C-alpha atoms as a PDB file:
ATOM      1  CA  MET A   1     -50.941 -34.954 -10.393  1.00  0.00           C
ATOM      2  CA  THR A   2     -53.886 -37.250  -9.998  1.00  0.00           C
ATOM      3  CA  ASP A   3     -55.720 -38.036  -6.782  1.00  0.00           C
ATOM      4  CA  GLY A   4     -53.473 -40.245  -4.669  1.00  0.00           C
ATOM      5  CA  ALA A   5     -50.464 -40.623  -6.984  1.00  0.00           C
ATOM      6  CA  LEU A   6     -48.425 -39.065  -9.742  1.00  0.00           C
ATOM      7  CA  ASP A   7     -49.819 -39.863 -13.179  1.00  0.00           C
ATOM      8  CA  ARG A   8     -48.142 -43.136 -14.284  1.00  0.00           C
ATOM      9  CA  ARG A   9     -49.230 -42.524 -17.873  1.00  0.00           C
ATOM     10  CA  ALA A  10     -47.061 -39.424 -17.965  1.00  0.00           C
ATOM     11  CA  LEU A  11     -44.081 -41.014 -16.253  1.00  0.00           C
ATOM     12  CA  ASP A  12     -44.233 -44.335 -18.089  1.00  0.00           C
ATOM     13  CA  PRO A  13     -45.218 -43.364 -21.634  1.00  0.00           C
ATOM     14  CA  GLY A  14     -44.395 -46.765 -23.126  1.00  0.00           C
ATOM     15  CA  SER A  15     -42.162 -49.796 -23.123  1.00  0.00           C
ATOM     16  CA  ARG A  16     -39.936 -48.343 -25.880  1.00  0.00           C
ATOM     17  CA  ASP A  17     -38.078 -46.279 -23.300  1.00  0.00           C
ATOM     18  CA  PRO A  18     -34.290 -45.957 -23.161  1.00  0.00           C
ATOM     19  CA  ALA A  19     -34.631 -45.874 -19.371  1.00  0.00           C
ATOM     20  CA  GLY A  20     -35.679 -49.513 -19.680  1.00  0.00           C
ATOM     21  CA  THR A  21     -35.986 -51.722 -16.636  1.00  0.00           C
ATOM     22  CA  ALA A  22     -32.527 -51.719 -15.157  1.00  0.00           C
ATOM     23  CA  GLY A  23     -32.134 -48.035 -14.345  1.00  0.00           C
ATOM     24  CA  GLY A  24     -34.667 -45.400 -15.233  1.00  0.00           C
ATOM     25  CA  SER A  25     -37.808 -47.427 -14.683  1.00  0.00           C
ATOM     26  CA  GLY A  26     -36.939 -47.756 -11.002  1.00  0.00           C
ATOM     27  CA  CYS A  27     -36.823 -43.954 -10.788  1.00  0.00           C
ATOM     28  CA  ARG A  28     -40.078 -43.684 -12.731  1.00  0.00           C
ATOM     29  CA  ASP A  29     -41.768 -46.209 -10.466  1.00  0.00           C
ATOM     30  CA  LYS A  30     -40.743 -44.321  -7.358  1.00  0.00           C
ATOM     31  CA  LEU A  31     -42.240 -41.162  -8.794  1.00  0.00           C
ATOM     32  CA  ALA A  32     -45.362 -42.839 -10.158  1.00  0.00           C
ATOM     33  CA  ASN A  33     -46.069 -44.632  -6.883  1.00  0.00           C
ATOM     34  CA  ALA A  34     -45.370 -41.607  -4.691  1.00  0.00           C
ATOM     35  CA  ARG A  35     -48.478 -40.802  -2.650  1.00  0.00           C
ATOM     36  CA  ARG A  36     -49.520 -37.250  -1.950  1.00  0.00           C
ATOM     37  CA  GLY A  37     -52.167 -35.518   0.091  1.00  0.00           C
ATOM     38  CA  GLN A  38     -53.342 -31.947   0.132  1.00  0.00           C
ATOM     39  CA  PRO A  39     -51.152 -29.111  -1.192  1.00  0.00           C
ATOM     40  CA  ILE A  40     -48.709 -27.750   1.352  1.00  0.00           C
ATOM     41  CA  GLY A  41     -48.251 -24.447  -0.422  1.00  0.00           C
ATOM     42  CA  THR A  42     -49.074 -22.493  -3.575  1.00  0.00           C
ATOM     43  CA  SER A  43     -47.483 -19.072  -3.105  1.00  0.00           C
ATOM     44  CA  GLU A  44     -44.206 -17.861  -4.565  1.00  0.00           C
ATOM     45  CA  ALA A  45     -42.762 -17.893  -1.066  1.00  0.00           C
ATOM     46  CA  ALA A  46     -43.813 -21.563  -0.661  1.00  0.00           C
ATOM     47  CA  LEU A  47     -42.193 -22.513  -3.973  1.00  0.00           C
ATOM     48  CA  ARG A  48     -38.927 -20.998  -2.801  1.00  0.00           C
ATOM     49  CA  HIS A  49     -39.210 -22.375   0.730  1.00  0.00           C
ATOM     50  CA  PHE A  50     -39.627 -25.942  -0.562  1.00  0.00           C
ATOM     51  CA  LYS A  51     -37.119 -25.353  -3.412  1.00  0.00           C
ATOM     52  CA  VAL A  52     -39.447 -26.139  -6.322  1.00  0.00           C
ATOM     53  CA  ALA A  53     -39.265 -22.769  -8.079  1.00  0.00           C
ATOM     54  CA  ASN A  54     -38.140 -22.590 -11.704  1.00  0.00           C
ATOM     55  CA  ASP A  55     -34.806 -21.118 -10.663  1.00  0.00           C
ATOM     56  CA  GLU A  56     -34.375 -22.783  -7.271  1.00  0.00           C
ATOM     57  CA  TYR A  57     -34.781 -26.559  -6.974  1.00  0.00           C
ATOM     58  CA  GLU A  58     -33.088 -29.864  -6.100  1.00  0.00           C
ATOM     59  CA  ARG A  59     -34.191 -31.954  -9.105  1.00  0.00           C
ATOM     60  CA  HIS A  60     -35.944 -31.126 -12.382  1.00  0.00           C
ATOM     61  CA  VAL A  61     -37.337 -34.204 -14.160  1.00  0.00           C
ATOM     62  CA  VAL A  62     -38.761 -33.880 -17.678  1.00  0.00           C
ATOM     63  CA  ALA A  63     -40.397 -36.949 -19.249  1.00  0.00           C
ATOM     64  CA  SER A  64     -41.119 -36.894 -22.964  1.00  0.00           C
ATOM     65  CA  ALA A  65     -42.649 -39.222 -25.544  1.00  0.00           C
ATOM     66  CA  SER A  66     -42.632 -38.806 -29.329  1.00  0.00           C
ATOM     67  CA  GLY A  67     -40.924 -35.452 -28.940  1.00  0.00           C
ATOM     68  CA  LYS A  68     -43.613 -34.058 -26.594  1.00  0.00           C
ATOM     69  CA  VAL A  69     -43.198 -33.277 -22.905  1.00  0.00           C
ATOM     70  CA  VAL A  70     -45.654 -35.385 -20.917  1.00  0.00           C
ATOM     71  CA  ALA A  71     -44.437 -34.606 -17.401  1.00  0.00           C
ATOM     72  CA  ASP A  72     -42.455 -31.696 -15.951  1.00  0.00           C
ATOM     73  CA  LEU A  73     -41.601 -32.252 -12.293  1.00  0.00           C
ATOM     74  CA  TRP A  74     -39.746 -30.047  -9.818  1.00  0.00           C
ATOM     75  CA  LEU A  75     -38.424 -31.820  -6.713  1.00  0.00           C
ATOM     76  CA  GLY A  76     -37.295 -29.745  -3.772  1.00  0.00           C
ATOM     77  CA  SER A  77     -36.294 -30.001  -0.164  1.00  0.00           C
ATOM     78  CA  SER A  78     -37.392 -32.575   2.384  1.00  0.00           C
ATOM     79  CA  THR A  79     -40.625 -31.785   4.201  1.00  0.00           C
ATOM     80  CA  ALA A  80     -40.335 -34.715   6.641  1.00  0.00           C
ATOM     81  CA  LEU A  81     -38.618 -38.099   6.909  1.00  0.00           C
ATOM     82  CA  ARG A  82     -38.507 -39.553   3.368  1.00  0.00           C
ATOM     83  CA  LYS A  83     -40.935 -36.919   2.111  1.00  0.00           C
ATOM     84  CA  THR A  84     -40.060 -34.389  -0.563  1.00  0.00           C
ATOM     85  CA  GLY A  85     -41.790 -31.304  -1.864  1.00  0.00           C
ATOM     86  CA  VAL A  86     -42.868 -31.824  -5.490  1.00  0.00           C
ATOM     87  CA  ARG A  87     -44.496 -29.499  -8.021  1.00  0.00           C
ATOM     88  CA  VAL A  88     -45.801 -30.540 -11.437  1.00  0.00           C
ATOM     89  CA  ALA A  89     -45.563 -27.696 -13.951  1.00  0.00           C
ATOM     90  CA  PRO A  90     -47.480 -25.623 -14.875  1.00  0.00           C
ATOM     91  CA  ASP A  91     -49.341 -26.152 -11.572  1.00  0.00           C
ATOM     92  CA  ARG A  92     -48.065 -23.985  -8.711  1.00  0.00           C
ATOM     93  CA  ALA A  93     -49.247 -26.314  -5.933  1.00  0.00           C
ATOM     94  CA  VAL A  94     -46.561 -28.049  -3.851  1.00  0.00           C
ATOM     95  CA  TYR A  95     -47.210 -31.556  -2.496  1.00  0.00           C
ATOM     96  CA  ALA A  96     -45.329 -33.688   0.020  1.00  0.00           C
ATOM     97  CA  VAL A  97     -44.697 -37.051  -1.616  1.00  0.00           C
ATOM     98  CA  ASP A  98     -43.312 -40.305  -0.215  1.00  0.00           C
ATOM     99  CA  LEU A  99     -39.772 -40.320  -1.558  1.00  0.00           C
ATOM    100  CA  ALA A 100     -36.380 -38.841  -0.829  1.00  0.00           C
ATOM    101  CA  THR A 101     -34.582 -36.524  -3.223  1.00  0.00           C
ATOM    102  CA  TRP A 102     -31.627 -38.921  -3.485  1.00  0.00           C
ATOM    103  CA  ASP A 103     -34.003 -41.593  -4.816  1.00  0.00           C
ATOM    104  CA  ILE A 104     -34.056 -39.599  -8.061  1.00  0.00           C
ATOM    105  CA  PRO A 105     -30.499 -39.510  -9.477  1.00  0.00           C
ATOM    106  CA  ALA A 106     -29.145 -36.365 -11.067  1.00  0.00           C
ATOM    107  CA  ALA A 107     -26.671 -38.119 -13.397  1.00  0.00           C
ATOM    108  CA  THR A 108     -28.023 -38.960 -16.862  1.00  0.00           C
ATOM    109  CA  GLY A 109     -26.247 -42.312 -16.882  1.00  0.00           C
ATOM    110  CA  ASP A 110     -28.191 -43.459 -13.817  1.00  0.00           C
ATOM    111  CA  TRP A 111     -31.389 -43.334 -15.896  1.00  0.00           C
ATOM    112  CA  LEU A 112     -29.951 -45.337 -18.749  1.00  0.00           C
ATOM    113  CA  ASP A 113     -30.658 -49.014 -19.356  1.00  0.00           C
ATOM    114  CA  ALA A 114     -27.211 -50.170 -20.489  1.00  0.00           C
ATOM    115  CA  ALA A 115     -28.703 -53.519 -21.593  1.00  0.00           C
ATOM    116  CA  LEU A 116     -30.946 -51.868 -24.197  1.00  0.00           C
ATOM    117  CA  LEU A 117     -29.337 -54.023 -26.928  1.00  0.00           C
ATOM    118  CA  LYS A 118     -29.643 -57.186 -24.889  1.00  0.00           C
ATOM    119  CA  VAL A 119     -29.442 -60.370 -26.959  1.00  0.00           C
ATOM    120  CA  ASP A 120     -30.059 -63.892 -25.722  1.00  0.00           C
ATOM    121  CA  ALA A 121     -26.925 -65.564 -27.052  1.00  0.00           C
ATOM    122  CA  ALA A 122     -28.359 -69.063 -26.572  1.00  0.00           C
ATOM    123  CA  SER A 123     -31.366 -68.240 -28.776  1.00  0.00           C
ATOM    124  CA  LEU A 124     -29.350 -67.107 -31.814  1.00  0.00           C
ATOM    125  CA  ALA A 125     -29.783 -69.436 -34.773  1.00  0.00           C
ATOM    126  CA  LYS A 126     -27.930 -67.344 -37.351  1.00  0.00           C
ATOM    127  CA  ILE A 127     -25.506 -64.426 -37.399  1.00  0.00           C
ATOM    128  CA  GLU A 128     -24.739 -62.626 -40.644  1.00  0.00           C
ATOM    129  CA  ALA A 129     -21.796 -60.224 -40.573  1.00  0.00           C
ATOM    130  CA  LEU A 130     -21.325 -57.762 -43.432  1.00  0.00           C
ATOM    131  CA  ASP A 131     -18.225 -55.586 -43.753  1.00  0.00           C
ATOM    132  CA  ALA A 132     -16.146 -54.025 -46.506  1.00  0.00           C
ATOM    133  CA  LYS A 133     -14.850 -57.479 -47.516  1.00  0.00           C
ATOM    134  CA  GLY A 134     -18.285 -59.051 -47.975  1.00  0.00           C
ATOM    135  CA  SER A 135     -20.727 -61.215 -46.069  1.00  0.00           C
ATOM    136  CA  ILE A 136     -20.202 -64.114 -43.685  1.00  0.00           C
ATOM    137  CA  VAL A 137     -23.118 -66.231 -42.487  1.00  0.00           C
ATOM    138  CA  LEU A 138     -22.766 -68.270 -39.312  1.00  0.00           C
ATOM    139  CA  THR A 139     -25.479 -70.853 -38.699  1.00  0.00           C
ATOM    140  CA  ARG A 140     -25.985 -72.957 -35.623  1.00  0.00           C
ATOM    141  CA  ALA A 141     -26.725 -76.473 -36.850  1.00  0.00           C
ATOM    142  CA  GLY A 142     -29.938 -77.855 -35.426  1.00  0.00           C
ATOM    143  CA  GLY A 143     -31.090 -74.438 -34.234  1.00  0.00           C
ATOM    144  CA  ALA A 144     -30.078 -72.486 -31.169  1.00  0.00           C
ATOM    145  CA  ASP A 145     -31.422 -74.691 -28.417  1.00  0.00           C
ATOM    146  CA  ALA A 146     -28.399 -75.808 -26.433  1.00  0.00           C
ATOM    147  CA  SER A 147     -30.501 -77.189 -23.603  1.00  0.00           C
ATOM    148  CA  ALA A 148     -30.202 -80.753 -24.851  1.00  0.00           C
ATOM    149  CA  SER A 149     -26.443 -80.749 -24.496  1.00  0.00           C
ATOM    150  CA  LYS A 150     -26.748 -79.136 -21.063  1.00  0.00           C
ATOM    151  CA  ASP A 151     -29.289 -81.702 -19.934  1.00  0.00           C
ATOM    152  CA  ALA A 152     -27.073 -84.484 -21.203  1.00  0.00           C
ATOM    153  CA  GLN A 153     -24.299 -83.217 -18.955  1.00  0.00           C
ATOM    154  CA  SER A 154     -26.412 -82.725 -15.836  1.00  0.00           C
ATOM    155  CA  GLY A 155     -25.118 -85.791 -14.010  1.00  0.00           C
ATOM    156  CA  PRO A 156     -22.925 -85.733 -10.914  1.00  0.00           C
ATOM    157  CA  GLY A 157     -19.714 -85.756 -12.942  1.00  0.00           C
ATOM    158  CA  ALA A 158     -20.826 -83.026 -15.351  1.00  0.00           C
ATOM    159  CA  THR A 159     -18.553 -80.090 -16.101  1.00  0.00           C
ATOM    160  CA  ASN A 160     -19.132 -76.765 -17.813  1.00  0.00           C
ATOM    161  CA  ALA A 161     -16.544 -77.576 -20.465  1.00  0.00           C
ATOM    162  CA  ALA A 162     -18.561 -80.278 -22.236  1.00  0.00           C
ATOM    163  CA  PRO A 163     -21.734 -78.198 -22.860  1.00  0.00           C
ATOM    164  CA  ALA A 164     -19.597 -75.274 -24.008  1.00  0.00           C
ATOM    165  CA  ALA A 165     -17.722 -77.491 -26.434  1.00  0.00           C
ATOM    166  CA  ALA A 166     -20.990 -78.989 -27.701  1.00  0.00           C
ATOM    167  CA  ALA A 167     -22.489 -75.529 -28.263  1.00  0.00           C
ATOM    168  CA  ALA A 168     -19.390 -74.355 -30.120  1.00  0.00           C
ATOM    169  CA  ALA A 169     -19.303 -77.445 -32.332  1.00  0.00           C
ATOM    170  CA  LYS A 170     -22.761 -76.611 -33.709  1.00  0.00           C
ATOM    171  CA  TRP A 171     -21.639 -73.496 -35.599  1.00  0.00           C
ATOM    172  CA  GLN A 172     -21.084 -73.688 -39.356  1.00  0.00           C
ATOM    173  CA  ALA A 173     -20.162 -70.967 -41.838  1.00  0.00           C
ATOM    174  CA  SER A 174     -20.636 -69.925 -45.443  1.00  0.00           C
ATOM    175  CA  GLY A 175     -18.557 -67.262 -47.134  1.00  0.00           C
ATOM    176  CA  GLU A 176     -15.240 -68.335 -45.626  1.00  0.00           C
ATOM    177  CA  PRO A 177     -12.130 -66.641 -46.993  1.00  0.00           C
ATOM    178  CA  ALA A 178     -10.076 -68.803 -49.351  1.00  0.00           C
ATOM    179  CA  GLY A 179      -7.848 -71.242 -47.510  1.00  0.00           C
ATOM    180  CA  LYS A 180      -9.592 -70.624 -44.178  1.00  0.00           C
ATOM    181  CA  SER A 181     -11.992 -72.644 -42.063  1.00  0.00           C
ATOM    182  CA  LEU A 182     -14.343 -71.569 -39.289  1.00  0.00           C
ATOM    183  CA  ASP A 183     -13.183 -71.902 -35.707  1.00  0.00           C
ATOM    184  CA  PRO A 184     -16.495 -73.004 -34.076  1.00  0.00           C
ATOM    185  CA  ALA A 185     -15.363 -71.971 -30.597  1.00  0.00           C
ATOM    186  CA  ARG A 186     -14.794 -68.420 -31.806  1.00  0.00           C
ATOM    187  CA  ALA A 187     -18.179 -68.363 -33.543  1.00  0.00           C
ATOM    188  CA  ASN A 188     -19.724 -69.308 -30.212  1.00  0.00           C
ATOM    189  CA  ALA A 189     -17.620 -66.604 -28.525  1.00  0.00           C
ATOM    190  CA  LEU A 190     -19.090 -64.030 -30.938  1.00  0.00           C
ATOM    191  CA  ALA A 191     -22.622 -65.065 -29.925  1.00  0.00           C
ATOM    192  CA  GLU A 192     -21.707 -64.736 -26.251  1.00  0.00           C
ATOM    193  CA  THR A 193     -20.082 -61.342 -26.866  1.00  0.00           C
ATOM    194  CA  LEU A 194     -23.308 -60.131 -28.486  1.00  0.00           C
ATOM    195  CA  GLY A 195     -25.128 -61.114 -25.311  1.00  0.00           C
ATOM    196  CA  ARG A 196     -22.792 -58.945 -23.208  1.00  0.00           C
ATOM    197  CA  VAL A 197     -22.989 -55.687 -25.194  1.00  0.00           C
ATOM    198  CA  ARG A 198     -23.784 -52.680 -22.984  1.00  0.00           C
ATOM    199  CA  ILE A 199     -24.451 -49.229 -24.411  1.00  0.00           C
ATOM    200  CA  ASP A 200     -22.942 -46.034 -23.043  1.00  0.00           C
ATOM    201  CA  GLY A 201     -25.518 -43.490 -24.161  1.00  0.00           C
ATOM    202  CA  ILE A 202     -28.470 -42.419 -26.319  1.00  0.00           C
ATOM    203  CA  LEU A 203     -27.753 -40.112 -29.269  1.00  0.00           C
ATOM    204  CA  GLY A 204     -31.334 -39.386 -30.306  1.00  0.00           C
ATOM    205  CA  THR A 205     -33.580 -40.531 -33.135  1.00  0.00           C
ATOM    206  CA  ARG A 206     -32.134 -38.531 -36.038  1.00  0.00           C
ATOM    207  CA  ALA A 207     -29.004 -39.649 -37.858  1.00  0.00           C
ATOM    208  CA  GLN A 208     -26.172 -37.175 -38.263  1.00  0.00           C
ATOM    209  CA  PRO A 209     -23.955 -37.157 -41.384  1.00  0.00           C
ATOM    210  CA  ASP A 210     -20.787 -37.285 -39.271  1.00  0.00           C
ATOM    211  CA  TRP A 211     -21.851 -40.637 -37.821  1.00  0.00           C
ATOM    212  CA  ASN A 212     -21.213 -42.383 -41.175  1.00  0.00           C
ATOM    213  CA  GLN A 213     -24.229 -44.654 -40.795  1.00  0.00           C
ATOM    214  CA  ASP A 214     -24.400 -44.875 -44.593  1.00  0.00           C
ATOM    215  CA  GLN A 215     -20.897 -46.377 -44.560  1.00  0.00           C
ATOM    216  CA  PRO A 216     -20.924 -48.728 -41.562  1.00  0.00           C
ATOM    217  CA  GLN A 217     -17.847 -50.617 -40.466  1.00  0.00           C
ATOM    218  CA  LEU A 218     -20.010 -53.595 -39.599  1.00  0.00           C
ATOM    219  CA  ARG A 219     -23.597 -54.681 -40.083  1.00  0.00           C
ATOM    220  CA  LEU A 220     -24.910 -57.644 -38.115  1.00  0.00           C
ATOM    221  CA  VAL A 221     -28.151 -59.461 -38.868  1.00  0.00           C
ATOM    222  CA  LEU A 222     -29.155 -61.490 -35.814  1.00  0.00           C
ATOM    223  CA  THR A 223     -31.765 -64.183 -36.318  1.00  0.00           C
ATOM    224  CA  PRO A 224     -33.187 -65.951 -33.241  1.00  0.00           C
ATOM    225  CA  THR A 225     -34.842 -69.343 -33.255  1.00  0.00           C
ATOM    226  CA  LYS A 226     -38.189 -67.638 -32.688  1.00  0.00           C
ATOM    227  CA  GLY A 227     -39.112 -64.112 -33.690  1.00  0.00           C
ATOM    228  CA  ASP A 228     -37.876 -61.620 -36.261  1.00  0.00           C
ATOM    229  CA  ALA A 229     -34.305 -60.907 -37.280  1.00  0.00           C
ATOM    230  CA  VAL A 230     -32.752 -57.679 -35.963  1.00  0.00           C
ATOM    231  CA  THR A 231     -30.099 -55.690 -37.811  1.00  0.00           C
ATOM    232  CA  TRP A 232     -27.379 -53.718 -36.046  1.00  0.00           C
ATOM    233  CA  THR A 233     -25.690 -51.034 -38.152  1.00  0.00           C
ATOM    234  CA  ILE A 234     -22.394 -50.079 -36.500  1.00  0.00           C
ATOM    235  CA  SER A 235     -20.477 -47.057 -37.752  1.00  0.00           C
ATOM    236  CA  LYS A 236     -17.422 -45.085 -36.692  1.00  0.00           C
ATOM    237  CA  PRO A 237     -17.990 -41.299 -36.645  1.00  0.00           C
ATOM    238  CA  LYS A 238     -15.545 -38.974 -38.354  1.00  0.00           C
ATOM    239  CA  ALA A 239     -14.349 -37.753 -34.952  1.00  0.00           C
ATOM    240  CA  GLY A 240     -14.598 -39.061 -31.404  1.00  0.00           C
ATOM    241  CA  SER A 241     -13.706 -42.209 -29.485  1.00  0.00           C
ATOM    242  CA  TYR A 242     -16.998 -44.022 -29.937  1.00  0.00           C
ATOM    243  CA  TYR A 243     -19.185 -46.006 -32.310  1.00  0.00           C
ATOM    244  CA  VAL A 244     -22.823 -45.432 -33.274  1.00  0.00           C
ATOM    245  CA  VAL A 245     -25.223 -48.393 -33.313  1.00  0.00           C
ATOM    246  CA  LYS A 246     -28.669 -48.385 -34.886  1.00  0.00           C
ATOM    247  CA  ALA A 247     -30.807 -51.450 -34.132  1.00  0.00           C
ATOM    248  CA  SER A 248     -33.667 -52.035 -36.566  1.00  0.00           C
ATOM    249  CA  ASP A 249     -36.121 -52.743 -33.749  1.00  0.00           C
ATOM    250  CA  LYS A 250     -35.440 -49.511 -31.825  1.00  0.00           C
ATOM    251  CA  PRO A 251     -35.892 -45.839 -32.760  1.00  0.00           C
ATOM    252  CA  TRP A 252     -32.683 -44.549 -31.169  1.00  0.00           C
ATOM    253  CA  PHE A 253     -29.107 -44.219 -32.291  1.00  0.00           C
ATOM    254  CA  LEU A 254     -26.994 -45.646 -29.504  1.00  0.00           C
ATOM    255  CA  LEU A 255     -23.478 -44.809 -28.365  1.00  0.00           C
ATOM    256  CA  LEU A 256     -20.782 -47.379 -27.696  1.00  0.00           C
ATOM    257  CA  LYS A 257     -17.466 -46.089 -26.404  1.00  0.00           C
ATOM    258  CA  ASP A 258     -14.392 -47.555 -28.067  1.00  0.00           C
ATOM    259  CA  ASP A 259     -13.657 -49.765 -25.058  1.00  0.00           C
ATOM    260  CA  SER A 260     -17.235 -51.080 -25.081  1.00  0.00           C
ATOM    261  CA  ALA A 261     -17.272 -51.738 -28.816  1.00  0.00           C
ATOM    262  CA  ARG A 262     -13.797 -53.294 -29.128  1.00  0.00           C
ATOM    263  CA  PRO A 263     -14.715 -56.826 -27.891  1.00  0.00           C
ATOM    264  CA  LEU A 264     -17.594 -57.021 -30.375  1.00  0.00           C
ATOM    265  CA  MET A 265     -15.665 -55.614 -33.327  1.00  0.00           C
ATOM    266  CA  GLU A 266     -12.780 -58.008 -32.651  1.00  0.00           C
ATOM    267  CA  ALA A 267     -15.016 -61.047 -32.112  1.00  0.00           C
ATOM    268  CA  ALA A 268     -16.789 -60.390 -35.442  1.00  0.00           C
ATOM    269  CA  GLY A 269     -13.519 -59.967 -37.352  1.00  0.00           C
ATOM    270  CA  ARG A 270     -12.561 -62.484 -40.003  1.00  0.00           C
ATOM    271  CA  GLU A 271      -9.127 -62.854 -38.437  1.00  0.00           C
ATOM    272  CA  LYS A 272     -10.780 -64.116 -35.250  1.00  0.00           C
ATOM    273  CA  LEU A 273     -13.464 -66.325 -36.764  1.00  0.00           C
ATOM    274  CA  PHE A 274     -11.375 -68.175 -39.326  1.00  0.00           C
ATOM    275  CA  ALA A 275      -8.179 -70.132 -39.014  1.00  0.00           C
ATOM    276  CA  THR A 276      -5.893 -71.357 -41.758  1.00  0.00           C
ATOM    277  CA  ALA A 277      -7.192 -74.668 -43.038  1.00  0.00           C
ATOM    278  CA  PRO A 278      -4.755 -77.534 -42.371  1.00  0.00           C
ATOM    279  CA  LYS A 279      -2.909 -78.758 -45.452  1.00  0.00           C
ATOM    280  CA  THR A 280      -3.052 -82.394 -46.421  1.00  0.00           C
ATOM    281  CA  ASN A 281       0.424 -83.937 -46.751  1.00  0.00           C
ATOM    282  CA  ALA A 282       0.243 -86.678 -49.355  1.00  0.00           C
ATOM    283  CA  LEU A 283       3.601 -88.107 -48.363  1.00  0.00           C
ATOM    284  CA  ALA A 284       2.670 -88.226 -44.707  1.00  0.00           C
ATOM    285  CA  SER A 285      -0.432 -90.198 -45.555  1.00  0.00           C
ATOM    286  CA  ARG A 286       1.542 -93.001 -47.251  1.00  0.00           C
ATOM    287  CA  LYS A 287       2.235 -96.181 -45.384  1.00  0.00           C
ATOM    288  CA  PRO A 288       5.775 -96.224 -44.033  1.00  0.00           C
ATOM    289  CA  ALA A 289       8.036 -98.607 -45.884  1.00  0.00           C
ATOM    290  CA  GLY A 290       8.874-101.859 -44.141  1.00  0.00           C
ATOM    291  CA  PRO A 291      12.396-102.877 -43.105  1.00  0.00           C
ATOM    292  CA  ALA A 292      14.906-103.402 -45.903  1.00  0.00           C
ATOM    293  CA  PRO A 293      15.293-107.062 -46.961  1.00  0.00           C
ATOM    294  CA  LYS A 294      18.276-108.871 -45.513  1.00  0.00           C
ATOM    295  CA  PRO A 295      21.058-109.748 -47.955  1.00  0.00           C
ATOM    296  CA  ARG A 296      21.307-113.435 -48.870  1.00  0.00           C
END
């Protein structure tokens, strides 16, 4: 602990944190901003009284960065209204800090930023999907800025349908299957699905052979209007009801449960993106014959 507050450098080791901003950072901030005064105990009896002993505690929070532990906190019982006894290992001193034990969740999922793969669907200029059948490239004509169409429909009689239709109409494709044509609305739906992906867990930074990352079911290359392209490698493990996602801009392998992955896998499927191209009927295009001449 530092004078006045817990060491923020230990509790917030960097922005590349799977706790992100939606979940875990709130917990980190509460800890990092917790004020403390003088120690309220240092003896073994004090550690047990305030429940911050190694084998008797309310919460044990370990923060790590690059595989090294940078903070090891033991949170115990309440010492006063919204004050909790806290010990930072290996120090034996107990401090009363300005937070309640329930402010620090015990469930791992409460620390997880489910939007770690967040994509701004409106900023996507190109989506390349690679699967066992080959590569499909979807390009948004004129870039990804849909604001012009939205602004054009900002009058009193504007509806949400027109901008959506305009955004969908911008998508074009290369690599279509024979006899098929792109359904622009479904291409736009894929972009929106990418923007709604939420992860279910962190699997670590080392790939496991059973994850089949060398034989992915789908690889997506997402190119925004500004910035670098990001590649998602999505594989189905040999066992288990989940998928593994590795994003090129993040060090972790991420878990998507089957139910979470299904909308994305379906939206990126060729069966969804492409419809059978309409056939041209030469006879139907001929001018209908006029009325038969009257007999003389």
